Amino acid sequence: MDARDAIAVLFDQEVLKLITIALVGWWLRTTSATGWGGYPAPMQFLYDGLVTLTWLTGTVTYYGGVLALLVKLVYEASRRANSS
């Protein structure tokens, strides 16, 4: 596989989608940890629940996106290497 094939794999539309998914997951994880407190008890419970849900969603999205991206890159690289 030459450099042109490697660049073509990196800028494939599916690879760019997976990179975007991983970045959204990373953003959800990092933004869920920052926030404000000091709400009344029912609102604090709701806020903590939403922060936890956002963090869990971000974690699953981030690691799932990174894993899917690695699988896609390895698959495309092996497919292109075997075709040449």
Protein backbone atom coordinates (compact mmCIF):
# COMPACT_ATOMS: atom_id res chain seq x y z
CA MET A 1 0.00 0.00 0.00
CA ASP A 2 1.50 3.30 -1.03
CA ALA A 3 1.01 6.77 0.40
CA ARG A 4 -1.79 7.63 -2.03
CA ASP A 5 -3.83 4.64 -0.82
CA ALA A 6 -3.20 5.55 2.82
CA ILE A 7 -4.41 9.11 2.25
CA ALA A 8 -7.45 7.82 0.38
CA VAL A 9 -8.33 5.58 3.32
CA LEU A 10 -7.97 8.44 5.82
CA PHE A 11 -10.25 10.73 3.82
CA ASP A 12 -12.85 8.09 3.04
CA GLN A 13 -16.37 9.32 3.84
CA GLU A 14 -17.06 6.47 6.30
CA VAL A 15 -13.78 7.11 8.13
CA LEU A 16 -14.62 10.79 8.47
CA LYS A 17 -18.04 9.87 9.90
CA LEU A 18 -16.40 7.60 12.48
CA ILE A 19 -13.94 10.32 13.43
CA THR A 20 -16.88 12.68 13.95
CA ILE A 21 -18.66 10.13 16.13
CA ALA A 22 -15.55 9.65 18.27
CA LEU A 23 -15.14 13.42 18.64
CA VAL A 24 -18.78 13.85 19.70
CA GLY A 25 -18.31 11.11 22.29
CA TRP A 26 -15.16 12.78 23.59
CA TRP A 27 -16.99 16.12 23.79
CA LEU A 28 -19.89 14.56 25.71
CA ARG A 29 -17.49 12.98 28.19
CA THR A 30 -15.57 16.16 28.82
CA THR A 31 -18.52 18.52 29.03
CA SER A 32 -20.52 16.29 31.34
CA ALA A 33 -17.87 16.58 34.05
CA THR A 34 -18.05 20.37 34.13
CA GLY A 35 -21.09 22.00 35.57
CA TRP A 36 -22.65 23.88 38.41
CA GLY A 37 -24.11 22.74 41.68
CA GLY A 38 -26.06 24.26 44.47
CA TYR A 39 -29.52 23.51 43.14
CA PRO A 40 -32.38 22.56 45.44
CA ALA A 41 -32.49 18.81 46.21
CA PRO A 42 -34.95 17.67 43.47
CA MET A 43 -33.21 19.77 40.83
CA GLN A 44 -29.76 18.61 41.97
CA PHE A 45 -30.92 14.99 41.66
CA LEU A 46 -32.17 15.68 38.12
CA TYR A 47 -28.98 17.52 37.24
CA ASP A 48 -26.77 14.72 38.58
CA GLY A 49 -28.82 12.18 36.63
CA LEU A 50 -28.43 14.12 33.41
CA VAL A 51 -24.69 14.54 33.96
CA THR A 52 -24.34 10.81 34.56
CA LEU A 53 -26.43 9.96 31.49
CA THR A 54 -24.40 12.35 29.36
CA TRP A 55 -21.13 10.89 30.63
CA LEU A 56 -22.29 7.31 29.97
CA THR A 57 -23.53 8.20 26.50
CA GLY A 58 -20.28 9.97 25.75
CA THR A 59 -18.20 7.06 26.99
CA VAL A 60 -20.08 4.50 24.91
CA THR A 61 -20.04 6.78 21.86
CA TYR A 62 -16.35 7.59 22.21
CA TYR A 63 -15.06 4.06 22.75
CA GLY A 64 -17.48 2.59 20.24
CA GLY A 65 -16.46 5.16 17.65
CA VAL A 66 -12.76 4.63 18.23
CA LEU A 67 -13.13 0.86 18.02
CA ALA A 68 -15.20 1.09 14.84
CA LEU A 69 -12.65 3.49 13.37
CA LEU A 70 -9.77 1.12 14.09
CA VAL A 71 -11.65 -1.82 12.59
CA LYS A 72 -12.49 0.21 9.48
CA LEU A 73 -8.90 1.40 9.02
CA VAL A 74 -7.45 -2.09 9.41
CA TYR A 75 -10.06 -3.55 7.07
CA GLU A 76 -9.49 -0.91 4.38
CA ALA A 77 -5.72 -1.18 4.66
CA SER A 78 -5.76 -4.97 4.36
CA ARG A 79 -8.25 -4.84 1.49
CA ARG A 80 -6.14 -2.35 -0.43
CA ALA A 81 -2.93 -4.24 0.32
CA ASN A 82 -4.41 -7.51 -0.92
CA SER A 83 -5.81 -5.96 -4.08
CA SER A 84 -2.45 -4.63 -5.27
